[in-house]
Amino acid sequence: MAYPGFGGMQAPVVNPGIPYIGEIQGGLQPGKMITIQGFVIPGADSRFHVNLQCGASTQPRADIAMHFNPRVMAGVVVRNCLQNQAWGGEEKQHGPFPFAMGQNFEMIILTEPDKFKVAVNGQHFIEFRHRIPFQRVNTLAIDGKVQIQAIRFDSGMPGAPQAQKGGAPVFNPFPQVPGSLAAPPAPMVPPGPMAPPGAHPSSGPHALQVPYIGSIAGGMYPGRMVIINGTVHPGAPDRFHFNLQCGASTAPRADIALQFNPRFAARAVVRNSLINNGWGGEEKDTPYFPFMPGQPFELMVLCQQDSFKVAVNGQHFTEFRHRIQPLTRVDTLVVEGKVSLQQIRFT
């Protein structure tokens, strides 16, 4: 379903069962991106597929606009389409094979007017020219030797490039080329590999360091959204927090427009603000506690005219009325505590 108040954006799918068949709300349009974070299950026949298809029918079988089929033992990714129950000509990649048994991956599919572009682990991988009009595609199907942590749908909202303090650039797996009409909609910090369920996340070359301090170019404003993908440390984590704050000063301490602070012992999420080195009144009322040790999560913070709206794993969680104005003062994101970060994006 669409997440209320988030511009009709489709809610992310977290830890779905396999096989997975799900609707792509609103279908595909140029600029729409689908992000899939998963883990390749080891085995003798370690292969899986991701289908963009025209419905979910099995008798007769639905047309498939793009069948993306990594075959790990063969070291090849086969792409094809199915029309009127007949497969077309196969396409196979030229270059390195980006998947490995027992390893995490992130795959991004971008729709363009004449083709799909696919990036894997932050690198452009292949293009697949449309053989079926992309407007007919309304279903995503995944099956095979794979676990999926999260699926996210981005509908082409504009955003300005961001940069992390310390020099990490905006991630763009789809560099523009002459004649390209669609740019990726959402700038992001480079993603790190996701961990399989129960495992501690990797600290690979693209992992985000915690404590994390990152700039929000242009500050916050109504309609702007911050999306954070992370994993709670396993075992018995104490707490972590996300701050939307006014700069990174520590002496005096920067004002904090919103501190979002999950506390595991109390099973509470405390929200507060810090103004002129003084904390305001805490807010704790929430319908449930959405975080679990060792489990991935997606946190979405939408800035509105009068408040921040927060969703966790695709479900509305809380609102926090603004105590600091103007909103453009809020130009820094800070993350600290018992959490690992895979990805941060601004739209």
Protein backbone atom coordinates (compact mmCIF):
# COMPACT_ATOMS: atom_id res chain seq x y z
CA MET A 1 0.00 0.00 0.00
CA ALA A 2 1.02 3.63 -0.36
CA TYR A 3 2.29 5.27 2.79
CA PRO A 4 -0.18 8.04 3.82
CA GLY A 5 1.34 11.49 3.76
CA PHE A 6 4.45 10.40 1.89
CA GLY A 7 3.31 11.59 -1.53
CA GLY A 8 1.69 8.28 -2.43
CA MET A 9 5.06 6.53 -2.17
CA GLN A 10 4.70 2.74 -2.03
CA ALA A 11 5.65 1.29 1.33
CA PRO A 12 8.85 -0.77 1.37
CA VAL A 13 8.64 -4.55 1.70
CA VAL A 14 10.75 -5.95 4.55
CA ASN A 15 11.86 -9.59 4.89
CA PRO A 16 9.32 -11.07 2.43
CA GLY A 17 8.92 -14.79 1.96
CA ILE A 18 10.30 -16.46 -1.18
CA PRO A 19 8.78 -16.94 -3.69
CA TYR A 20 7.65 -13.32 -3.60
CA ILE A 21 5.00 -11.84 -5.87
CA GLY A 22 4.00 -8.24 -5.27
CA GLU A 23 2.24 -5.37 -6.97
CA ILE A 24 4.20 -2.39 -8.29
CA GLN A 25 1.73 0.32 -7.37
CA GLY A 26 1.16 2.70 -10.27
CA GLY A 27 3.25 0.53 -12.59
CA LEU A 28 6.51 1.77 -14.08
CA GLN A 29 7.42 5.21 -15.41
CA PRO A 30 10.71 6.67 -16.61
CA GLY A 31 12.77 7.50 -13.53
CA LYS A 32 11.12 4.91 -11.30
CA MET A 33 13.63 2.83 -9.36
CA ILE A 34 13.27 -0.52 -7.59
CA THR A 35 15.93 -1.34 -4.99
CA ILE A 36 16.32 -4.93 -3.79
CA GLN A 37 18.62 -5.85 -0.90
CA GLY A 38 19.27 -9.55 -0.45
CA PHE A 39 21.56 -12.48 0.32
CA VAL A 40 22.54 -15.35 -2.02
CA ILE A 41 21.90 -18.72 -0.34
CA PRO A 42 24.85 -21.12 -0.81
CA GLY A 43 24.15 -24.39 -2.59
CA ALA A 44 24.92 -26.57 -5.59
CA ASP A 45 22.19 -24.92 -7.67
CA SER A 46 22.62 -21.38 -6.39
CA ARG A 47 20.54 -19.33 -8.79
CA PHE A 48 17.60 -16.98 -8.48
CA HIS A 49 15.58 -14.62 -10.62
CA VAL A 50 13.91 -11.24 -10.48
CA ASN A 51 11.01 -10.72 -12.90
CA LEU A 52 9.30 -7.50 -13.96
CA GLN A 53 6.07 -8.87 -15.31
CA CYS A 54 2.61 -8.00 -16.58
CA GLY A 55 0.42 -9.43 -13.85
CA ALA A 56 0.70 -12.58 -11.74
CA SER A 57 -1.16 -15.10 -13.89
CA THR A 58 0.24 -18.65 -14.07
CA GLN A 59 -2.32 -20.14 -16.52
CA PRO A 60 -1.57 -18.72 -19.00
CA ARG A 61 1.74 -17.46 -17.73
CA ALA A 62 2.01 -13.68 -17.48
CA ASP A 63 4.28 -11.86 -19.91
CA ILE A 64 7.66 -10.97 -18.40
CA ALA A 65 9.20 -7.68 -19.55
CA MET A 66 12.56 -8.52 -17.95
CA HIS A 67 13.72 -11.82 -16.45
CA PHE A 68 16.99 -11.20 -14.56
CA ASN A 69 18.53 -14.57 -13.69
CA PRO A 70 21.89 -14.81 -11.86
CA ARG A 71 23.35 -18.33 -12.15
CA VAL A 72 26.09 -18.36 -9.56
CA MET A 73 27.80 -21.66 -10.40
CA ALA A 74 28.02 -20.66 -14.07
CA GLY A 75 29.06 -17.10 -13.22
CA VAL A 76 26.52 -15.61 -15.62
CA VAL A 77 23.42 -13.41 -15.45
CA VAL A 78 20.87 -14.29 -18.13
CA ARG A 79 18.28 -11.71 -19.18
CA ASN A 80 15.24 -12.46 -21.28
CA CYS A 81 11.57 -11.71 -21.77
CA LEU A 82 8.51 -13.94 -22.06
CA GLN A 83 5.74 -13.00 -24.52
CA ASN A 84 2.69 -15.16 -25.20
CA GLN A 85 4.32 -17.96 -23.17
CA ALA A 86 7.41 -18.00 -25.42
CA TRP A 87 10.90 -16.94 -24.36
CA GLY A 88 12.85 -14.54 -26.54
CA GLY A 89 16.57 -14.45 -27.19
CA GLU A 90 18.82 -14.59 -24.14
CA GLU A 91 21.27 -11.83 -23.27
CA LYS A 92 24.30 -12.50 -21.07
CA GLN A 93 26.57 -10.02 -19.34
CA HIS A 94 30.00 -9.02 -20.52
CA GLY A 95 32.29 -8.37 -17.60
CA PRO A 96 32.61 -9.37 -13.93
CA PHE A 97 29.90 -11.45 -12.26
CA PRO A 98 28.64 -9.39 -9.29
CA PHE A 99 26.98 -12.08 -7.13
CA ALA A 100 28.59 -14.65 -4.80
CA MET A 101 27.23 -17.48 -2.68
CA GLY A 102 26.85 -16.51 0.96
CA GLN A 103 27.20 -12.81 0.16
CA ASN A 104 24.86 -9.84 0.41
CA PHE A 105 23.96 -7.65 -2.53
CA GLU A 106 22.01 -4.57 -3.50
CA MET A 107 20.38 -4.42 -6.91
CA ILE A 108 18.79 -1.29 -8.39
CA ILE A 109 16.56 -1.34 -11.48
CA LEU A 110 15.95 2.00 -13.17
CA THR A 111 13.24 2.38 -15.83
CA GLU A 112 14.13 4.56 -18.82
CA PRO A 113 11.96 5.25 -21.90
CA ASP A 114 13.77 2.68 -24.05
CA LYS A 115 15.39 0.29 -21.57
CA PHE A 116 15.96 -0.92 -18.03
CA LYS A 117 19.28 -0.13 -16.37
CA VAL A 118 20.54 -2.40 -13.60
CA ALA A 119 23.19 -1.61 -10.99
CA VAL A 120 24.59 -4.13 -8.51
CA ASN A 121 26.46 -3.11 -5.35
CA GLY A 122 26.78 0.47 -6.48
CA GLN A 123 28.14 -0.26 -9.95
CA HIS A 124 26.32 -0.02 -13.26
CA PHE A 125 25.95 -3.59 -14.53
CA ILE A 126 23.75 -4.00 -17.63
CA GLU A 127 21.06 -2.47 -19.81
CA PHE A 128 18.08 -4.37 -21.22
CA ARG A 129 16.14 -2.74 -24.04
CA HIS A 130 12.36 -2.92 -23.77
CA ARG A 131 10.73 -5.70 -25.77
CA ILE A 132 7.39 -5.21 -23.98
CA PRO A 133 6.04 -1.70 -23.26
CA PHE A 134 7.12 -0.85 -19.71
CA GLN A 135 3.67 0.66 -19.11
CA ARG A 136 2.25 -2.90 -18.95
CA VAL A 137 4.51 -3.92 -16.05
CA ASN A 138 2.73 -4.00 -12.69
CA THR A 139 4.21 -6.97 -10.80
CA LEU A 140 7.57 -7.88 -9.24
CA ALA A 141 8.34 -11.59 -8.74
CA ILE A 142 11.41 -13.09 -7.02
CA ASP A 143 12.21 -16.78 -6.60
CA GLY A 144 15.16 -19.11 -6.12
CA LYS A 145 18.12 -19.42 -3.76
CA VAL A 146 17.88 -15.97 -2.26
CA GLN A 147 16.78 -14.23 0.91
CA ILE A 148 15.42 -10.71 0.60
CA GLN A 149 15.82 -8.15 3.37
CA ALA A 150 14.10 -5.20 1.74
CA ILE A 151 12.44 -4.00 -1.46
CA ARG A 152 11.96 -0.27 -2.01
CA PHE A 153 10.12 1.62 -4.73
CA ASP A 154 11.11 5.19 -5.68
CA SER A 155 8.87 7.08 -8.06
CA GLY A 156 11.25 9.65 -9.51
CA MET A 157 11.07 12.49 -7.01
CA PRO A 158 13.69 15.16 -7.68
CA GLY A 159 16.52 15.73 -5.28
CA ALA A 160 19.71 17.66 -5.07
CA PRO A 161 23.01 15.80 -4.69
CA GLN A 162 24.31 15.41 -1.15
CA ALA A 163 27.78 14.80 0.22
CA GLN A 164 28.76 13.18 3.47
CA LYS A 165 31.09 15.16 5.71
CA GLY A 166 34.52 13.66 5.33
CA GLY A 167 34.38 13.45 1.58
CA ALA A 168 32.11 10.50 0.70
CA PRO A 169 30.31 11.49 -2.50
CA VAL A 170 26.73 10.99 -3.53
CA PHE A 171 26.11 7.52 -4.97
CA ASN A 172 24.90 7.42 -8.57
CA PRO A 173 25.07 3.98 -10.22
CA PHE A 174 23.53 5.32 -13.44
CA PRO A 175 25.79 8.03 -14.91
CA GLN A 176 24.04 10.12 -17.53
CA VAL A 177 24.97 9.50 -21.15
CA PRO A 178 24.02 11.52 -24.24
CA GLY A 179 20.40 10.92 -25.10
CA SER A 180 19.45 9.67 -21.63
CA LEU A 181 16.17 11.21 -20.54
CA ALA A 182 15.84 9.99 -16.99
CA ALA A 183 18.16 10.63 -14.08
CA PRO A 184 18.00 8.55 -10.90
CA PRO A 185 15.63 10.36 -8.57
CA ALA A 186 17.20 9.98 -5.15
CA PRO A 187 20.74 10.83 -4.15
CA MET A 188 22.17 8.48 -1.58
CA VAL A 189 25.22 7.66 0.45
CA PRO A 190 26.95 4.51 -0.89
CA PRO A 191 25.27 1.34 0.36
CA GLY A 192 27.07 -1.31 2.35
CA PRO A 193 26.26 -5.00 2.08
CA MET A 194 23.24 -6.28 3.98
CA ALA A 195 23.70 -9.09 6.48
CA PRO A 196 21.84 -12.39 6.37
CA PRO A 197 19.25 -12.78 9.15
CA GLY A 198 20.92 -13.14 12.55
CA ALA A 199 24.38 -12.19 11.33
CA HIS A 200 26.29 -9.03 12.17
CA PRO A 201 26.42 -6.64 9.20
CA SER A 202 29.63 -6.45 7.22
CA SER A 203 31.97 -3.52 7.58
CA GLY A 204 32.96 -3.75 3.92
CA PRO A 205 34.45 -0.99 1.78
CA HIS A 206 31.13 0.89 1.44
CA ALA A 207 29.85 0.39 5.01
CA LEU A 208 28.89 3.65 6.73
CA GLN A 209 30.79 4.38 9.90
CA VAL A 210 28.94 4.85 13.19
CA PRO A 211 29.05 7.43 14.72
CA TYR A 212 27.90 8.96 11.45
CA ILE A 213 27.77 12.71 10.75
CA GLY A 214 26.45 13.79 7.36
CA SER A 215 25.37 17.08 5.85
CA ILE A 216 21.90 17.71 4.43
CA ALA A 217 22.58 20.15 1.60
CA GLY A 218 19.98 22.92 1.60
CA GLY A 219 18.62 21.82 4.98
CA MET A 220 15.18 20.41 5.63
CA TYR A 221 11.97 21.78 4.12
CA PRO A 222 8.37 20.60 3.69
CA GLY A 223 8.31 17.56 1.43
CA ARG A 224 11.91 16.54 2.03
CA MET A 225 12.50 13.00 3.22
CA VAL A 226 15.39 11.16 4.86
CA ILE A 227 15.48 7.36 4.40
CA ILE A 228 17.81 5.30 6.59
CA ASN A 229 18.47 1.58 6.11
CA GLY A 230 20.24 -0.08 9.01
CA THR A 231 20.53 -3.14 11.22
CA VAL A 232 20.30 -3.24 15.00
CA HIS A 233 23.31 -4.90 16.61
CA PRO A 234 22.56 -8.48 17.73
CA GLY A 235 22.62 -9.66 21.31
CA ALA A 236 21.40 -7.20 23.91
CA PRO A 237 21.72 -3.71 22.41
CA ASP A 238 21.10 -0.81 24.77
CA ARG A 239 20.03 2.08 22.56
CA PHE A 240 20.85 4.15 19.50
CA HIS A 241 19.70 7.51 18.19
CA PHE A 242 19.19 9.55 15.04
CA ASN A 243 19.51 13.33 15.30
CA LEU A 244 18.32 15.92 12.82
CA GLN A 245 20.32 18.89 14.02
CA CYS A 246 21.57 22.38 13.24
CA GLY A 247 25.21 21.81 12.42
CA ALA A 248 27.78 19.52 14.01
CA SER A 249 29.15 21.72 16.80
CA THR A 250 29.97 20.00 20.10
CA ALA A 251 31.05 23.05 22.15
CA PRO A 252 28.51 24.54 22.42
CA ARG A 253 26.40 21.57 21.42
CA ALA A 254 24.39 22.06 18.23
CA ASP A 255 20.63 22.44 18.52
CA ILE A 256 18.75 19.22 17.73
CA ALA A 257 15.40 19.57 15.99
CA LEU A 258 14.53 15.88 16.45
CA GLN A 259 16.28 13.17 18.41
CA PHE A 260 14.76 9.74 17.70
CA ASN A 261 16.06 7.39 20.40
CA PRO A 262 15.02 3.69 20.56
CA ARG A 263 15.74 2.24 24.05
CA PHE A 264 15.58 -1.55 24.15
CA ALA A 265 15.43 -2.17 27.91
CA ALA A 266 12.42 0.12 28.23
CA ARG A 267 11.02 -0.87 24.81
CA ALA A 268 10.40 2.81 24.18
CA VAL A 269 11.31 5.29 21.46
CA VAL A 270 11.99 8.67 23.04
CA ARG A 271 11.71 11.82 20.92
CA ASN A 272 13.03 15.18 22.02
CA SER A 273 14.76 18.39 20.97
CA LEU A 274 17.78 20.26 22.30
CA ILE A 275 17.73 24.08 22.18
CA ASN A 276 20.47 26.29 23.66
CA ASN A 277 22.01 23.25 25.42
CA GLY A 278 18.71 22.45 27.15
CA TRP A 279 16.55 19.39 26.48
CA GLY A 280 12.83 19.87 26.00
CA GLY A 281 10.01 17.61 27.12
CA GLU A 282 10.30 13.96 26.10
CA GLU A 283 7.65 12.30 23.95
CA LYS A 284 7.28 8.52 24.38
CA ASP A 285 3.77 7.49 23.34
CA THR A 286 3.95 4.97 20.49
CA PRO A 287 1.68 2.12 19.36
CA TYR A 288 4.44 -0.51 19.47
CA PHE A 289 8.24 -0.98 19.57
CA PRO A 290 9.37 -1.64 15.99
CA PHE A 291 13.04 -2.59 16.45
CA MET A 292 14.58 -6.02 17.17
CA PRO A 293 18.19 -7.06 17.90
CA GLY A 294 19.98 -8.31 14.79
CA GLN A 295 17.17 -7.27 12.46
CA PRO A 296 17.27 -4.80 9.54
CA PHE A 297 14.96 -1.80 9.44
CA GLU A 298 14.03 1.12 7.23
CA LEU A 299 13.33 4.47 8.88
CA MET A 300 11.67 7.24 6.85
CA VAL A 301 11.43 10.81 8.18
CA LEU A 302 9.21 13.17 6.20
CA CYS A 303 9.43 16.89 6.91
CA GLN A 304 6.05 18.62 6.84
CA GLN A 305 5.09 22.24 7.44
CA ASP A 306 4.33 21.69 11.13
CA SER A 307 5.93 18.36 12.03
CA PHE A 308 8.18 15.44 11.19
CA LYS A 309 6.33 12.24 10.27
CA VAL A 310 8.21 9.00 10.95
CA ALA A 311 7.58 5.56 9.43
CA VAL A 312 9.39 2.34 10.34
CA ASN A 313 9.36 -0.62 7.95
CA GLY A 314 6.61 0.94 5.86
CA GLN A 315 4.24 1.63 8.77
CA HIS A 316 3.40 5.05 10.18
CA PHE A 317 4.96 5.27 13.64
CA THR A 318 4.87 8.78 15.09
CA GLU A 319 4.78 12.53 14.50
CA PHE A 320 6.93 15.17 16.18
CA ARG A 321 5.86 18.80 15.99
CA HIS A 322 8.59 21.27 15.06
CA ARG A 323 10.20 23.11 17.95
CA ILE A 324 12.94 24.74 15.84
CA GLN A 325 12.40 27.16 12.95
CA PRO A 326 13.32 27.89 10.24
CA LEU A 327 13.57 24.31 9.06
CA THR A 328 16.50 25.15 6.79
CA ARG A 329 18.62 25.42 9.96
CA VAL A 330 18.36 21.64 10.20
CA ASP A 331 21.28 20.68 7.96
CA THR A 332 23.00 17.72 9.66
CA LEU A 333 22.16 14.06 10.33
CA VAL A 334 23.91 12.26 13.20
CA VAL A 335 23.61 8.53 14.00
CA GLU A 336 25.17 6.96 17.10
CA GLY A 337 24.77 3.82 19.20
CA LYS A 338 24.25 0.08 18.73
CA VAL A 339 23.37 0.14 15.06
CA SER A 340 25.02 -0.51 11.71
CA LEU A 341 24.14 1.54 8.63
CA GLN A 342 23.75 0.22 5.12
CA GLN A 343 22.36 3.27 3.32
CA ILE A 344 21.15 6.84 3.82
CA ARG A 345 19.21 8.74 1.16
CA PHE A 346 17.67 12.18 0.84
CA THR A 347 14.77 12.97 -1.49
